[in-house]
Amino acid sequence: MLISHETTPDYLRQQDLESLAHTLKALAHPARLAIVGLLVEHPSLHCTQMIERLGIEQTLLSHHLSTLHDRGILRREKEGKFILYRLADQRMAKIIECITHSQP
């Protein structure tokens, strides 16, 4: 155990830290950061729109979208013949804002 439960605030509980680390690991790739950043700017996009804006191959985009979805960062909704992607939790926008504004 890394942290004692008796002496730490609730937000630093081991389970919470592991969940946060899991989320940050999923974001720790340039393409996935770009996808999440794009969805911060455009709250709902389908694959073709992301491919056009990011300039990456469809297979690579699909792989990263699956990773982000599986980790609970994105959610998918079918709309007609398209699958739209959105942030599952708007707190992701704050994370992206924090890490992009902390750059020197």
N, C-alpha and C. Protein backbone atom coordinates (compact mmCIF):
# COMPACT_ATOMS: atom_id res chain seq x y z
N MET A 1 0.85 -1.18 0.00
CA MET A 1 0.00 0.00 0.00
C MET A 1 0.89 1.24 0.00
N LEU A 2 0.58 2.19 -0.86
CA LEU A 2 1.36 3.41 -0.95
C LEU A 2 0.99 4.43 0.10
N ILE A 3 -0.28 4.52 0.44
CA ILE A 3 -0.75 5.58 1.31
C ILE A 3 -1.66 5.00 2.39
N SER A 4 -1.49 5.46 3.61
CA SER A 4 -2.32 5.02 4.72
C SER A 4 -3.68 5.71 4.66
N HIS A 5 -4.75 4.94 4.81
CA HIS A 5 -6.10 5.51 4.75
C HIS A 5 -6.43 6.36 5.97
N GLU A 6 -5.79 6.10 7.10
CA GLU A 6 -6.12 6.84 8.32
C GLU A 6 -5.64 8.28 8.28
N THR A 7 -4.59 8.56 7.53
CA THR A 7 -3.97 9.89 7.60
C THR A 7 -4.14 10.71 6.33
N THR A 8 -4.85 10.21 5.36
CA THR A 8 -4.97 10.94 4.10
C THR A 8 -6.39 11.40 3.85
N PRO A 9 -6.51 12.54 3.16
CA PRO A 9 -7.86 13.00 2.78
C PRO A 9 -8.49 12.00 1.81
N ASP A 10 -9.80 12.04 1.70
CA ASP A 10 -10.52 11.10 0.84
C ASP A 10 -10.03 11.11 -0.61
N TYR A 11 -9.66 12.29 -1.12
CA TYR A 11 -9.27 12.37 -2.52
C TYR A 11 -7.93 11.69 -2.81
N LEU A 12 -7.21 11.29 -1.78
CA LEU A 12 -5.94 10.61 -1.98
C LEU A 12 -6.00 9.12 -1.62
N ARG A 13 -7.18 8.57 -1.53
CA ARG A 13 -7.29 7.14 -1.23
C ARG A 13 -6.66 6.33 -2.35
N GLN A 14 -6.11 5.20 -1.99
CA GLN A 14 -5.39 4.35 -2.95
C GLN A 14 -6.24 4.02 -4.17
N GLN A 15 -7.49 3.65 -3.97
CA GLN A 15 -8.37 3.30 -5.08
C GLN A 15 -8.55 4.50 -6.01
N ASP A 16 -8.72 5.69 -5.44
CA ASP A 16 -8.88 6.89 -6.25
C ASP A 16 -7.61 7.19 -7.03
N LEU A 17 -6.47 7.02 -6.39
CA LEU A 17 -5.20 7.28 -7.06
C LEU A 17 -4.97 6.30 -8.19
N GLU A 18 -5.33 5.04 -7.98
CA GLU A 18 -5.17 4.05 -9.03
C GLU A 18 -6.08 4.36 -10.22
N SER A 19 -7.28 4.79 -9.95
CA SER A 19 -8.21 5.16 -11.01
C SER A 19 -7.69 6.36 -11.79
N LEU A 20 -7.19 7.36 -11.08
CA LEU A 20 -6.63 8.54 -11.72
C LEU A 20 -5.41 8.18 -12.56
N ALA A 21 -4.54 7.34 -12.03
CA ALA A 21 -3.36 6.91 -12.78
C ALA A 21 -3.76 6.16 -14.04
N HIS A 22 -4.79 5.34 -13.95
CA HIS A 22 -5.30 4.58 -15.09
C HIS A 22 -5.78 5.55 -16.19
N THR A 23 -6.48 6.59 -15.78
CA THR A 23 -6.96 7.60 -16.73
C THR A 23 -5.79 8.35 -17.36
N LEU A 24 -4.85 8.76 -16.55
CA LEU A 24 -3.71 9.51 -17.08
C LEU A 24 -2.86 8.66 -18.02
N LYS A 25 -2.73 7.38 -17.74
CA LYS A 25 -2.00 6.49 -18.65
C LYS A 25 -2.69 6.44 -20.00
N ALA A 26 -4.01 6.41 -19.99
CA ALA A 26 -4.75 6.38 -21.26
C ALA A 26 -4.54 7.66 -22.06
N LEU A 27 -4.36 8.76 -21.38
CA LEU A 27 -4.14 10.03 -22.06
C LEU A 27 -2.70 10.23 -22.52
N ALA A 28 -1.80 9.42 -22.01
CA ALA A 28 -0.36 9.62 -22.21
C ALA A 28 0.12 9.17 -23.60
N HIS A 29 -0.52 9.66 -24.61
CA HIS A 29 -0.11 9.41 -25.99
C HIS A 29 -0.49 10.65 -26.80
N PRO A 30 0.39 11.13 -27.66
CA PRO A 30 0.08 12.35 -28.42
C PRO A 30 -1.23 12.30 -29.19
N ALA A 31 -1.52 11.18 -29.84
CA ALA A 31 -2.76 11.09 -30.62
C ALA A 31 -3.98 11.13 -29.71
N ARG A 32 -3.91 10.45 -28.57
CA ARG A 32 -5.06 10.45 -27.66
C ARG A 32 -5.25 11.82 -27.03
N LEU A 33 -4.17 12.51 -26.71
CA LEU A 33 -4.30 13.88 -26.20
C LEU A 33 -4.92 14.77 -27.26
N ALA A 34 -4.52 14.58 -28.52
CA ALA A 34 -5.09 15.37 -29.61
C ALA A 34 -6.58 15.10 -29.78
N ILE A 35 -6.98 13.84 -29.66
CA ILE A 35 -8.40 13.48 -29.78
C ILE A 35 -9.21 14.14 -28.67
N VAL A 36 -8.74 14.02 -27.44
CA VAL A 36 -9.47 14.61 -26.32
C VAL A 36 -9.49 16.13 -26.45
N GLY A 37 -8.36 16.73 -26.84
CA GLY A 37 -8.33 18.17 -27.05
C GLY A 37 -9.30 18.62 -28.13
N LEU A 38 -9.40 17.84 -29.19
CA LEU A 38 -10.34 18.14 -30.27
C LEU A 38 -11.78 18.08 -29.77
N LEU A 39 -12.06 17.10 -28.90
CA LEU A 39 -13.42 16.97 -28.37
C LEU A 39 -13.71 18.01 -27.29
N VAL A 40 -12.70 18.63 -26.76
CA VAL A 40 -12.92 19.78 -25.87
C VAL A 40 -13.41 20.96 -26.72
N GLU A 41 -12.79 21.14 -27.88
CA GLU A 41 -13.16 22.24 -28.78
C GLU A 41 -14.47 21.99 -29.51
N HIS A 42 -14.70 20.74 -29.90
CA HIS A 42 -15.89 20.33 -30.66
C HIS A 42 -16.55 19.21 -29.87
N PRO A 43 -17.57 19.51 -29.09
CA PRO A 43 -18.12 18.54 -28.15
C PRO A 43 -18.62 17.22 -28.72
N SER A 44 -18.82 17.14 -30.03
CA SER A 44 -19.34 15.92 -30.62
C SER A 44 -18.81 15.81 -32.05
N LEU A 45 -18.09 14.72 -32.34
CA LEU A 45 -17.55 14.50 -33.68
C LEU A 45 -17.64 13.03 -34.05
N HIS A 46 -17.69 12.77 -35.36
CA HIS A 46 -17.60 11.39 -35.82
C HIS A 46 -16.21 11.18 -36.42
N CYS A 47 -15.89 9.93 -36.72
CA CYS A 47 -14.54 9.57 -37.15
C CYS A 47 -14.02 10.37 -38.34
N THR A 48 -14.85 10.52 -39.35
CA THR A 48 -14.41 11.25 -40.55
C THR A 48 -14.01 12.67 -40.21
N GLN A 49 -14.77 13.32 -39.35
CA GLN A 49 -14.43 14.68 -38.93
C GLN A 49 -13.09 14.71 -38.19
N MET A 50 -12.86 13.72 -37.34
CA MET A 50 -11.59 13.67 -36.60
C MET A 50 -10.42 13.39 -37.52
N ILE A 51 -10.61 12.48 -38.47
CA ILE A 51 -9.55 12.18 -39.43
C ILE A 51 -9.16 13.43 -40.20
N GLU A 52 -10.15 14.18 -40.66
CA GLU A 52 -9.89 15.41 -41.40
C GLU A 52 -9.13 16.44 -40.55
N ARG A 53 -9.51 16.58 -39.30
CA ARG A 53 -8.90 17.60 -38.44
C ARG A 53 -7.54 17.17 -37.90
N LEU A 54 -7.36 15.88 -37.63
CA LEU A 54 -6.12 15.41 -37.03
C LEU A 54 -5.11 14.90 -38.06
N GLY A 55 -5.60 14.52 -39.23
CA GLY A 55 -4.71 14.04 -40.27
C GLY A 55 -4.06 12.70 -39.94
N ILE A 56 -4.79 11.81 -39.27
CA ILE A 56 -4.26 10.48 -38.98
C ILE A 56 -5.10 9.43 -39.69
N GLU A 57 -4.52 8.25 -39.84
CA GLU A 57 -5.21 7.17 -40.54
C GLU A 57 -6.40 6.65 -39.74
N GLN A 58 -7.38 6.14 -40.46
CA GLN A 58 -8.61 5.65 -39.83
C GLN A 58 -8.33 4.52 -38.85
N THR A 59 -7.46 3.58 -39.21
CA THR A 59 -7.19 2.45 -38.33
C THR A 59 -6.52 2.91 -37.03
N LEU A 60 -5.62 3.86 -37.14
CA LEU A 60 -4.95 4.40 -35.95
C LEU A 60 -5.95 5.16 -35.07
N LEU A 61 -6.80 5.95 -35.70
CA LEU A 61 -7.82 6.68 -34.95
C LEU A 61 -8.75 5.71 -34.23
N SER A 62 -9.19 4.67 -34.92
CA SER A 62 -10.09 3.69 -34.31
C SER A 62 -9.45 3.03 -33.09
N HIS A 63 -8.18 2.70 -33.20
CA HIS A 63 -7.47 2.10 -32.07
C HIS A 63 -7.47 3.04 -30.86
N HIS A 64 -7.15 4.30 -31.09
CA HIS A 64 -7.09 5.26 -29.99
C HIS A 64 -8.48 5.57 -29.43
N LEU A 65 -9.48 5.65 -30.29
CA LEU A 65 -10.84 5.86 -29.81
C LEU A 65 -11.31 4.69 -28.94
N SER A 66 -10.97 3.48 -29.34
CA SER A 66 -11.33 2.31 -28.53
C SER A 66 -10.66 2.36 -27.16
N THR A 67 -9.39 2.72 -27.13
CA THR A 67 -8.68 2.82 -25.86
C THR A 67 -9.33 3.85 -24.96
N LEU A 68 -9.63 5.02 -25.51
CA LEU A 68 -10.25 6.08 -24.71
C LEU A 68 -11.66 5.70 -24.25
N HIS A 69 -12.38 5.01 -25.09
CA HIS A 69 -13.73 4.56 -24.73
C HIS A 69 -13.66 3.49 -23.64
N ASP A 70 -12.76 2.53 -23.82
CA ASP A 70 -12.63 1.44 -22.85
C ASP A 70 -12.20 1.95 -21.47
N ARG A 71 -11.47 3.04 -21.44
CA ARG A 71 -11.02 3.61 -20.17
C ARG A 71 -12.03 4.59 -19.58
N GLY A 72 -13.16 4.76 -20.26
CA GLY A 72 -14.22 5.62 -19.73
C GLY A 72 -14.02 7.10 -19.98
N ILE A 73 -13.12 7.44 -20.89
CA ILE A 73 -12.84 8.85 -21.18
C ILE A 73 -13.80 9.38 -22.23
N LEU A 74 -14.17 8.52 -23.20
CA LEU A 74 -15.11 8.91 -24.25
C LEU A 74 -16.36 8.05 -24.16
N ARG A 75 -17.44 8.60 -24.71
CA ARG A 75 -18.65 7.81 -24.89
C ARG A 75 -19.05 7.92 -26.35
N ARG A 76 -19.74 6.89 -26.81
CA ARG A 76 -20.17 6.82 -28.21
C ARG A 76 -21.69 6.84 -28.26
N GLU A 77 -22.19 7.49 -29.30
CA GLU A 77 -23.63 7.51 -29.54
C GLU A 77 -23.87 7.35 -31.03
N LYS A 78 -24.75 6.45 -31.36
CA LYS A 78 -25.09 6.26 -32.77
C LYS A 78 -26.10 7.33 -33.16
N GLU A 79 -25.82 8.01 -34.23
CA GLU A 79 -26.72 9.03 -34.77
C GLU A 79 -26.82 8.80 -36.27
N GLY A 80 -27.91 8.19 -36.68
CA GLY A 80 -28.05 7.82 -38.08
C GLY A 80 -27.01 6.77 -38.44
N LYS A 81 -26.25 7.02 -39.49
CA LYS A 81 -25.22 6.06 -39.89
C LYS A 81 -23.87 6.36 -39.25
N PHE A 82 -23.80 7.40 -38.43
CA PHE A 82 -22.54 7.79 -37.79
C PHE A 82 -22.49 7.41 -36.33
N ILE A 83 -21.30 7.20 -35.84
CA ILE A 83 -21.08 7.06 -34.40
C ILE A 83 -20.38 8.33 -33.96
N LEU A 84 -21.04 9.05 -33.07
CA LEU A 84 -20.49 10.29 -32.55
C LEU A 84 -19.73 10.01 -31.26
N TYR A 85 -18.62 10.70 -31.09
CA TYR A 85 -17.81 10.57 -29.89
C TYR A 85 -17.89 11.87 -29.10
N ARG A 86 -18.00 11.70 -27.79
CA ARG A 86 -18.06 12.84 -26.86
C ARG A 86 -17.22 12.49 -25.64
N LEU A 87 -16.82 13.51 -24.91
CA LEU A 87 -16.16 13.27 -23.64
C LEU A 87 -17.19 12.69 -22.67
N ALA A 88 -16.80 11.66 -21.96
CA ALA A 88 -17.71 11.05 -20.99
C ALA A 88 -17.83 11.90 -19.74
N ASP A 89 -16.81 12.68 -19.48
CA ASP A 89 -16.78 13.50 -18.27
C ASP A 89 -16.13 14.84 -18.64
N GLN A 90 -16.85 15.90 -18.42
CA GLN A 90 -16.33 17.23 -18.80
C GLN A 90 -15.12 17.66 -17.99
N ARG A 91 -14.80 16.93 -16.92
CA ARG A 91 -13.59 17.24 -16.18
C ARG A 91 -12.34 17.00 -17.01
N MET A 92 -12.48 16.19 -18.07
CA MET A 92 -11.35 15.97 -18.99
C MET A 92 -10.91 17.29 -19.61
N ALA A 93 -11.86 18.17 -19.86
CA ALA A 93 -11.53 19.48 -20.43
C ALA A 93 -10.61 20.24 -19.48
N LYS A 94 -10.85 20.14 -18.19
CA LYS A 94 -10.00 20.82 -17.21
C LYS A 94 -8.59 20.22 -17.19
N ILE A 95 -8.51 18.90 -17.31
CA ILE A 95 -7.20 18.24 -17.35
C ILE A 95 -6.42 18.72 -18.56
N ILE A 96 -7.07 18.74 -19.72
CA ILE A 96 -6.40 19.19 -20.94
C ILE A 96 -5.98 20.63 -20.81
N GLU A 97 -6.85 21.46 -20.26
CA GLU A 97 -6.52 22.87 -20.06
C GLU A 97 -5.30 23.02 -19.14
N CYS A 98 -5.28 22.27 -18.06
CA CYS A 98 -4.16 22.36 -17.12
C CYS A 98 -2.84 21.94 -17.77
N ILE A 99 -2.85 20.85 -18.50
CA ILE A 99 -1.58 20.38 -19.05
C ILE A 99 -1.13 21.20 -20.26
N THR A 100 -2.05 21.79 -21.00
CA THR A 100 -1.63 22.60 -22.14
C THR A 100 -1.19 23.99 -21.70
N HIS A 101 -1.76 24.49 -20.62
CA HIS A 101 -1.37 25.82 -20.14
C HIS A 101 -0.13 25.79 -19.25
N SER A 102 0.31 24.59 -18.88
CA SER A 102 1.49 24.49 -18.04
C SER A 102 2.76 24.38 -18.86
N GLN A 103 2.63 24.33 -20.18
CA GLN A 103 3.80 24.24 -21.05
C GLN A 103 4.60 25.54 -21.00
N PRO A 104 5.92 25.43 -20.97
CA PRO A 104 6.75 26.66 -20.95
C PRO A 104 6.66 27.45 -22.23
